């Protein structure tokens, strides 16, 4: 089973990389971009075949290592 974890900063947390991207887009004449927030995507190939168990396993990974849950949110997508 494959898992895709998307991690983003929580609303209200300053995002200096997002601001830098926003300014660069403006400098390159890409107008109409009001706000940029950046994040990361982690793809995992799991041996687990049961979807519920896989989700529980990936949630534990996020809570313990992959995401800083104080300042970051995460979402999980599973596929066969």
PDB file of N, CA and C in Angstrom:
ATOM      1  N   UNK A   1       0.845  -1.170   0.000  1.00  0.00           N
ATOM      2  CA  UNK A   1       0.000   0.000   0.000  1.00  0.00           C
ATOM      3  C   UNK A   1       0.892   1.235   0.000  1.00  0.00           C
ATOM      4  N   UNK A   2       0.446   2.267  -0.690  1.00  0.00           N
ATOM      5  CA  UNK A   2       1.200   3.512  -0.756  1.00  0.00           C
ATOM      6  C   UNK A   2       0.483   4.565   0.074  1.00  0.00           C
ATOM      7  N   UNK A   3       1.279   5.401   0.730  1.00  0.00           N
ATOM      8  CA  UNK A   3       0.743   6.509   1.510  1.00  0.00           C
ATOM      9  C   UNK A   3       1.418   7.793   1.052  1.00  0.00           C
ATOM     10  N   UNK A   4       0.610   8.833   0.927  1.00  0.00           N
ATOM     11  CA  UNK A   4       1.142  10.150   0.611  1.00  0.00           C
ATOM     12  C   UNK A   4       0.752  11.077   1.756  1.00  0.00           C
ATOM     13  N   UNK A   5       1.755  11.651   2.412  1.00  0.00           N
ATOM     14  CA  UNK A   5       1.535  12.542   3.543  1.00  0.00           C
ATOM     15  C   UNK A   5       1.860  13.960   3.084  1.00  0.00           C
ATOM     16  N   UNK A   6       0.897  14.865   3.220  1.00  0.00           N
ATOM     17  CA  UNK A   6       1.102  16.267   2.890  1.00  0.00           C
ATOM     18  C   UNK A   6       1.167  17.047   4.198  1.00  0.00           C
ATOM     19  N   UNK A   7       2.273  17.766   4.389  1.00  0.00           N
ATOM     20  CA  UNK A   7       2.503  18.503   5.627  1.00  0.00           C
ATOM     21  C   UNK A   7       2.588  19.988   5.305  1.00  0.00           C
ATOM     22  N   UNK A   8       1.792  20.784   6.012  1.00  0.00           N
ATOM     23  CA  UNK A   8       1.792  22.231   5.817  1.00  0.00           C
ATOM     24  C   UNK A   8       1.815  22.933   7.168  1.00  0.00           C
ATOM     25  N   UNK A   9       2.277  24.171   7.145  1.00  0.00           N
ATOM     26  CA  UNK A   9       2.262  24.958   8.371  1.00  0.00           C
ATOM     27  C   UNK A   9       0.819  25.295   8.733  1.00  0.00           C
ATOM     28  N   UNK A  10       0.518  25.326  10.027  1.00  0.00           N
ATOM     29  CA  UNK A  10      -0.818  25.695  10.484  1.00  0.00           C
ATOM     30  C   UNK A  10      -1.077  27.158  10.153  1.00  0.00           C
ATOM     31  N   UNK A  11      -2.361  27.494   9.996  1.00  0.00           N
ATOM     32  CA  UNK A  11      -2.731  28.891   9.783  1.00  0.00           C
ATOM     33  C   UNK A  11      -2.257  29.715  10.970  1.00  0.00           C
ATOM     34  N   UNK A  12      -1.722  30.874  10.693  1.00  0.00           N
ATOM     35  CA  UNK A  12      -1.226  31.746  11.750  1.00  0.00           C
ATOM     36  C   UNK A  12       0.265  31.598  12.008  1.00  0.00           C
ATOM     37  N   UNK A  13       0.876  30.529  11.509  1.00  0.00           N
ATOM     38  CA  UNK A  13       2.317  30.335  11.655  1.00  0.00           C
ATOM     39  C   UNK A  13       2.999  31.032  10.483  1.00  0.00           C
ATOM     40  N   UNK A  14       3.978  31.876  10.784  1.00  0.00           N
ATOM     41  CA  UNK A  14       4.689  32.589   9.730  1.00  0.00           C
ATOM     42  C   UNK A  14       5.368  31.608   8.790  1.00  0.00           C
ATOM     43  N   UNK A  15       5.328  31.930   7.493  1.00  0.00           N
ATOM     44  CA  UNK A  15       5.897  31.069   6.463  1.00  0.00           C
ATOM     45  C   UNK A  15       6.877  31.887   5.618  1.00  0.00           C
ATOM     46  N   UNK A  16       8.122  32.054   6.080  1.00  0.00           N
ATOM     47  CA  UNK A  16       9.079  32.872   5.331  1.00  0.00           C
ATOM     48  C   UNK A  16       9.392  32.321   3.944  1.00  0.00           C
ATOM     49  N   UNK A  17       9.412  31.006   3.768  1.00  0.00           N
ATOM     50  CA  UNK A  17       9.655  30.443   2.438  1.00  0.00           C
ATOM     51  C   UNK A  17       8.491  30.764   1.502  1.00  0.00           C
ATOM     52  N   UNK A  18       7.290  30.687   2.006  1.00  0.00           N
ATOM     53  CA  UNK A  18       6.126  31.040   1.208  1.00  0.00           C
ATOM     54  C   UNK A  18       6.180  32.494   0.777  1.00  0.00           C
ATOM     55  N   UNK A  19       6.576  33.381   1.704  1.00  0.00           N
ATOM     56  CA  UNK A  19       6.713  34.806   1.368  1.00  0.00           C
ATOM     57  C   UNK A  19       7.774  35.014   0.303  1.00  0.00           C
ATOM     58  N   UNK A  20       8.898  34.310   0.410  1.00  0.00           N
ATOM     59  CA  UNK A  20       9.975  34.448  -0.583  1.00  0.00           C
ATOM     60  C   UNK A  20       9.487  34.002  -1.963  1.00  0.00           C
ATOM     61  N   UNK A  21       8.729  32.914  -2.009  1.00  0.00           N
ATOM     62  CA  UNK A  21       8.177  32.436  -3.280  1.00  0.00           C
ATOM     63  C   UNK A  21       7.198  33.462  -3.837  1.00  0.00           C
ATOM     64  N   UNK A  22       6.359  34.003  -2.971  1.00  0.00           N
ATOM     65  CA  UNK A  22       5.383  35.015  -3.388  1.00  0.00           C
ATOM     66  C   UNK A  22       6.079  36.229  -4.009  1.00  0.00           C
ATOM     67  N   UNK A  23       7.131  36.724  -3.353  1.00  0.00           N
ATOM     68  CA  UNK A  23       7.873  37.875  -3.877  1.00  0.00           C
ATOM     69  C   UNK A  23       8.554  37.532  -5.198  1.00  0.00           C
ATOM     70  N   UNK A  24       9.111  36.338  -5.304  1.00  0.00           N
ATOM     71  CA  UNK A  24       9.782  35.930  -6.543  1.00  0.00           C
ATOM     72  C   UNK A  24       8.788  35.834  -7.694  1.00  0.00           C
ATOM     73  N   UNK A  25       7.598  35.301  -7.437  1.00  0.00           N
ATOM     74  CA  UNK A  25       6.577  35.219  -8.481  1.00  0.00           C
ATOM     75  C   UNK A  25       6.170  36.611  -8.958  1.00  0.00           C
ATOM     76  N   UNK A  26       6.030  37.537  -8.015  1.00  0.00           N
ATOM     77  CA  UNK A  26       5.694  38.912  -8.375  1.00  0.00           C
ATOM     78  C   UNK A  26       6.810  39.526  -9.221  1.00  0.00           C
ATOM     79  N   UNK A  27       8.052  39.290  -8.830  1.00  0.00           N
ATOM     80  CA  UNK A  27       9.196  39.824  -9.573  1.00  0.00           C
ATOM     81  C   UNK A  27       9.275  39.239 -10.984  1.00  0.00           C
ATOM     82  N   UNK A  28       8.761  38.041 -11.166  1.00  0.00           N
ATOM     83  CA  UNK A  28       8.759  37.397 -12.484  1.00  0.00           C
ATOM     84  C   UNK A  28       7.480  37.710 -13.267  1.00  0.00           C
ATOM     85  N   UNK A  29       6.740  38.709 -12.811  1.00  0.00           N
ATOM     86  CA  UNK A  29       5.509  39.178 -13.468  1.00  0.00           C
ATOM     87  C   UNK A  29       4.377  38.162 -13.470  1.00  0.00           C
ATOM     88  N   UNK A  30       4.307  37.324 -12.440  1.00  0.00           N
ATOM     89  CA  UNK A  30       3.142  36.460 -12.243  1.00  0.00           C
ATOM     90  C   UNK A  30       2.230  37.158 -11.246  1.00  0.00           C
ATOM     91  N   UNK A  31       1.362  38.018 -11.768  1.00  0.00           N
ATOM     92  CA  UNK A  31       0.473  38.778 -10.912  1.00  0.00           C
ATOM     93  C   UNK A  31      -0.704  37.958 -10.435  1.00  0.00           C
ATOM     94  N   UNK A  32      -1.416  38.512  -9.475  1.00  0.00           N
ATOM     95  CA  UNK A  32      -2.632  37.880  -8.984  1.00  0.00           C
ATOM     96  C   UNK A  32      -2.411  36.805  -7.943  1.00  0.00           C
ATOM     97  N   UNK A  33      -1.193  36.649  -7.472  1.00  0.00           N
ATOM     98  CA  UNK A  33      -0.925  35.672  -6.408  1.00  0.00           C
ATOM     99  C   UNK A  33      -0.957  36.433  -5.087  1.00  0.00           C
ATOM    100  N   UNK A  34      -1.971  36.162  -4.274  1.00  0.00           N
ATOM    101  CA  UNK A  34      -2.158  36.915  -3.040  1.00  0.00           C
ATOM    102  C   UNK A  34      -1.388  36.350  -1.858  1.00  0.00           C
ATOM    103  N   UNK A  35      -1.282  35.038  -1.786  1.00  0.00           N
ATOM    104  CA  UNK A  35      -0.580  34.427  -0.657  1.00  0.00           C
ATOM    105  C   UNK A  35      -0.038  33.068  -1.074  1.00  0.00           C
ATOM    106  N   UNK A  36       1.182  32.767  -0.647  1.00  0.00           N
ATOM    107  CA  UNK A  36       1.796  31.473  -0.929  1.00  0.00           C
ATOM    108  C   UNK A  36       2.145  30.814   0.401  1.00  0.00           C
ATOM    109  N   UNK A  37       1.750  29.566   0.555  1.00  0.00           N
ATOM    110  CA  UNK A  37       2.138  28.754   1.708  1.00  0.00           C
ATOM    111  C   UNK A  37       2.844  27.539   1.139  1.00  0.00           C
ATOM    112  N   UNK A  38       3.987  27.192   1.662  1.00  0.00           N
ATOM    113  CA  UNK A  38       4.717  26.035   1.165  1.00  0.00           C
ATOM    114  C   UNK A  38       4.638  24.911   2.183  1.00  0.00           C
ATOM    115  N   UNK A  39       4.885  23.710   1.707  1.00  0.00           N
ATOM    116  CA  UNK A  39       4.857  22.545   2.581  1.00  0.00           C
ATOM    117  C   UNK A  39       5.722  21.452   2.000  1.00  0.00           C
ATOM    118  N   UNK A  40       5.462  20.228   2.418  1.00  0.00           N
ATOM    119  CA  UNK A  40       6.236  19.103   1.897  1.00  0.00           C
ATOM    120  C   UNK A  40       5.326  17.897   1.729  1.00  0.00           C
ATOM    121  N   UNK A  41       5.727  17.019   0.819  1.00  0.00           N
ATOM    122  CA  UNK A  41       4.999  15.781   0.559  1.00  0.00           C
ATOM    123  C   UNK A  41       5.968  14.624   0.774  1.00  0.00           C
ATOM    124  N   UNK A  42       5.528  13.645   1.535  1.00  0.00           N
ATOM    125  CA  UNK A  42       6.327  12.451   1.791  1.00  0.00           C
ATOM    126  C   UNK A  42       5.539  11.252   1.279  1.00  0.00           C
ATOM    127  N   UNK A  43       6.169  10.455   0.420  1.00  0.00           N
ATOM    128  CA  UNK A  43       5.526   9.254  -0.107  1.00  0.00           C
ATOM    129  C   UNK A  43       6.156   8.027   0.538  1.00  0.00           C
ATOM    130  N   UNK A  44       5.307   7.131   0.993  1.00  0.00           N
ATOM    131  CA  UNK A  44       5.751   5.918   1.681  1.00  0.00           C
ATOM    132  C   UNK A  44       5.186   4.691   0.972  1.00  0.00           C
ATOM    133  N   UNK A  45       5.998   3.661   0.845  1.00  0.00           N
ATOM    134  CA  UNK A  45       5.547   2.380   0.316  1.00  0.00           C
ATOM    135  C   UNK A  45       5.482   1.426   1.505  1.00  0.00           C
ATOM    136  N   UNK A  46       4.280   1.033   1.884  1.00  0.00           N
ATOM    137  CA  UNK A  46       4.068   0.239   3.093  1.00  0.00           C
ATOM    138  C   UNK A  46       3.826  -1.230   2.768  1.00  0.00           C
ATOM    139  N   UNK A  47       4.296  -2.106   3.643  1.00  0.00           N
ATOM    140  CA  UNK A  47       4.031  -3.536   3.501  1.00  0.00           C
ATOM    141  C   UNK A  47       2.601  -3.867   3.936  1.00  0.00           C
ATOM    142  N   UNK A  48       2.035  -3.049   4.813  1.00  0.00           N
ATOM    143  CA  UNK A  48       0.681  -3.284   5.325  1.00  0.00           C
ATOM    144  C   UNK A  48      -0.348  -3.202   4.195  1.00  0.00           C
ATOM    145  N   UNK A  49      -1.278  -4.164   4.170  1.00  0.00           N
ATOM    146  CA  UNK A  49      -2.309  -4.185   3.125  1.00  0.00           C
ATOM    147  C   UNK A  49      -3.686  -3.776   3.649  1.00  0.00           C
ATOM    148  N   UNK A  50      -3.875  -3.798   4.957  1.00  0.00           N
ATOM    149  CA  UNK A  50      -5.143  -3.384   5.550  1.00  0.00           C
ATOM    150  C   UNK A  50      -5.158  -1.854   5.667  1.00  0.00           C
ATOM    151  N   UNK A  51      -6.151  -1.215   5.045  1.00  0.00           N
ATOM    152  CA  UNK A  51      -6.185   0.251   4.979  1.00  0.00           C
ATOM    153  C   UNK A  51      -6.261   0.904   6.362  1.00  0.00           C
ATOM    154  N   UNK A  52      -7.088   0.369   7.245  1.00  0.00           N
ATOM    155  CA  UNK A  52      -7.236   0.951   8.584  1.00  0.00           C
ATOM    156  C   UNK A  52      -5.926   0.856   9.364  1.00  0.00           C
ATOM    157  N   UNK A  53      -5.268  -0.294   9.286  1.00  0.00           N
ATOM    158  CA  UNK A  53      -3.993  -0.471   9.985  1.00  0.00           C
ATOM    159  C   UNK A  53      -2.918   0.436   9.383  1.00  0.00           C
ATOM    160  N   UNK A  54      -2.926   0.557   8.058  1.00  0.00           N
ATOM    161  CA  UNK A  54      -1.944   1.413   7.392  1.00  0.00           C
ATOM    162  C   UNK A  54      -2.127   2.858   7.815  1.00  0.00           C
ATOM    163  N   UNK A  55      -3.373   3.312   7.865  1.00  0.00           N
ATOM    164  CA  UNK A  55      -3.627   4.701   8.267  1.00  0.00           C
ATOM    165  C   UNK A  55      -3.175   4.940   9.703  1.00  0.00           C
ATOM    166  N   UNK A  56      -3.469   4.006  10.587  1.00  0.00           N
ATOM    167  CA  UNK A  56      -3.038   4.125  11.983  1.00  0.00           C
ATOM    168  C   UNK A  56      -1.522   4.189  12.069  1.00  0.00           C
ATOM    169  N   UNK A  57      -0.851   3.357  11.288  1.00  0.00           N
ATOM    170  CA  UNK A  57       0.612   3.313  11.273  1.00  0.00           C
ATOM    171  C   UNK A  57       1.190   4.647  10.777  1.00  0.00           C
ATOM    172  N   UNK A  58       0.637   5.179   9.708  1.00  0.00           N
ATOM    173  CA  UNK A  58       1.148   6.435   9.145  1.00  0.00           C
ATOM    174  C   UNK A  58       0.844   7.601  10.081  1.00  0.00           C
ATOM    175  N   UNK A  59      -0.322   7.598  10.724  1.00  0.00           N
ATOM    176  CA  UNK A  59      -0.634   8.644  11.701  1.00  0.00           C
ATOM    177  C   UNK A  59       0.389   8.640  12.834  1.00  0.00           C
ATOM    178  N   UNK A  60       0.775   7.456  13.300  1.00  0.00           N
ATOM    179  CA  UNK A  60       1.794   7.362  14.352  1.00  0.00           C
ATOM    180  C   UNK A  60       3.127   7.904  13.862  1.00  0.00           C
ATOM    181  N   UNK A  61       3.473   7.608  12.599  1.00  0.00           N
ATOM    182  CA  UNK A  61       4.715   8.144  12.021  1.00  0.00           C
ATOM    183  C   UNK A  61       4.695   9.667  12.001  1.00  0.00           C
ATOM    184  N   UNK A  62       3.557  10.223  11.630  1.00  0.00           N
ATOM    185  CA  UNK A  62       3.431  11.682  11.567  1.00  0.00           C
ATOM    186  C   UNK A  62       3.549  12.303  12.954  1.00  0.00           C
ATOM    187  N   UNK A  63       2.877  11.715  13.914  1.00  0.00           N
ATOM    188  CA  UNK A  63       2.888  12.250  15.276  1.00  0.00           C
ATOM    189  C   UNK A  63       4.264  12.158  15.920  1.00  0.00           C
ATOM    190  N   UNK A  64       5.016  11.091  15.611  1.00  0.00           N
ATOM    191  CA  UNK A  64       6.313  10.871  16.262  1.00  0.00           C
ATOM    192  C   UNK A  64       7.501  11.457  15.519  1.00  0.00           C
ATOM    193  N   UNK A  65       7.399  11.598  14.174  1.00  0.00           N
ATOM    194  CA  UNK A  65       8.584  11.997  13.421  1.00  0.00           C
ATOM    195  C   UNK A  65       8.318  12.952  12.259  1.00  0.00           C
ATOM    196  N   UNK A  66       7.386  12.620  11.416  1.00  0.00           N
ATOM    197  CA  UNK A  66       7.277  13.314  10.135  1.00  0.00           C
ATOM    198  C   UNK A  66       6.788  14.755  10.240  1.00  0.00           C
ATOM    199  N   UNK A  67       5.886  15.043  11.171  1.00  0.00           N
ATOM    200  CA  UNK A  67       5.332  16.388  11.311  1.00  0.00           C
ATOM    201  C   UNK A  67       5.602  16.937  12.705  1.00  0.00           C
ATOM    202  N   UNK A  68       5.860  18.226  12.752  1.00  0.00           N
ATOM    203  CA  UNK A  68       5.937  18.923  14.036  1.00  0.00           C
ATOM    204  C   UNK A  68       4.533  19.422  14.324  1.00  0.00           C
ATOM    205  N   UNK A  69       3.771  18.639  15.094  1.00  0.00           N
ATOM    206  CA  UNK A  69       2.346  18.911  15.253  1.00  0.00           C
ATOM    207  C   UNK A  69       2.052  20.182  16.047  1.00  0.00           C
ATOM    208  N   UNK A  70       3.050  20.805  16.614  1.00  0.00           N
ATOM    209  CA  UNK A  70       2.844  22.087  17.283  1.00  0.00           C
ATOM    210  C   UNK A  70       2.574  23.168  16.244  1.00  0.00           C
ATOM    211  N   UNK A  71       3.293  23.118  15.114  1.00  0.00           N
ATOM    212  CA  UNK A  71       3.165  24.171  14.102  1.00  0.00           C
ATOM    213  C   UNK A  71       2.711  23.661  12.735  1.00  0.00           C
ATOM    214  N   UNK A  72       2.572  22.332  12.570  1.00  0.00           N
ATOM    215  CA  UNK A  72       2.232  21.774  11.262  1.00  0.00           C
ATOM    216  C   UNK A  72       0.983  20.903  11.326  1.00  0.00           C
ATOM    217  N   UNK A  73       0.218  20.940  10.238  1.00  0.00           N
ATOM    218  CA  UNK A  73      -0.902  20.023  10.018  1.00  0.00           C
ATOM    219  C   UNK A  73      -0.463  18.996   8.988  1.00  0.00           C
ATOM    220  N   UNK A  74      -1.119  17.838   8.988  1.00  0.00           N
ATOM    221  CA  UNK A  74      -0.811  16.840   7.967  1.00  0.00           C
ATOM    222  C   UNK A  74      -2.097  16.170   7.506  1.00  0.00           C
ATOM    223  N   UNK A  75      -2.052  15.682   6.266  1.00  0.00           N
ATOM    224  CA  UNK A  75      -3.152  14.879   5.734  1.00  0.00           C
ATOM    225  C   UNK A  75      -2.545  13.644   5.095  1.00  0.00           C
ATOM    226  N   UNK A  76      -3.303  12.570   5.089  1.00  0.00           N
ATOM    227  CA  UNK A  76      -2.828  11.279   4.596  1.00  0.00           C
ATOM    228  C   UNK A  76      -3.746  10.780   3.491  1.00  0.00           C
ATOM    229  N   UNK A  77      -3.151  10.348   2.383  1.00  0.00           N
ATOM    230  CA  UNK A  77      -3.886   9.697   1.299  1.00  0.00           C
ATOM    231  C   UNK A  77      -3.302   8.299   1.129  1.00  0.00           C
ATOM    232  N   UNK A  78      -4.160   7.296   1.104  1.00  0.00           N
ATOM    233  CA  UNK A  78      -3.725   5.914   0.905  1.00  0.00           C
ATOM    234  C   UNK A  78      -4.218   5.403  -0.435  1.00  0.00           C
ATOM    235  N   UNK A  79      -3.397   4.569  -1.064  1.00  0.00           N
ATOM    236  CA  UNK A  79      -3.805   3.925  -2.321  1.00  0.00           C
ATOM    237  C   UNK A  79      -3.167   2.543  -2.388  1.00  0.00           C
ATOM    238  N   UNK A  80      -3.804   1.667  -3.137  1.00  0.00           N
ATOM    239  CA  UNK A  80      -3.315   0.295  -3.249  1.00  0.00           C
ATOM    240  C   UNK A  80      -2.102   0.217  -4.136  1.00  0.00           C
TER     241      UNK A  80
END
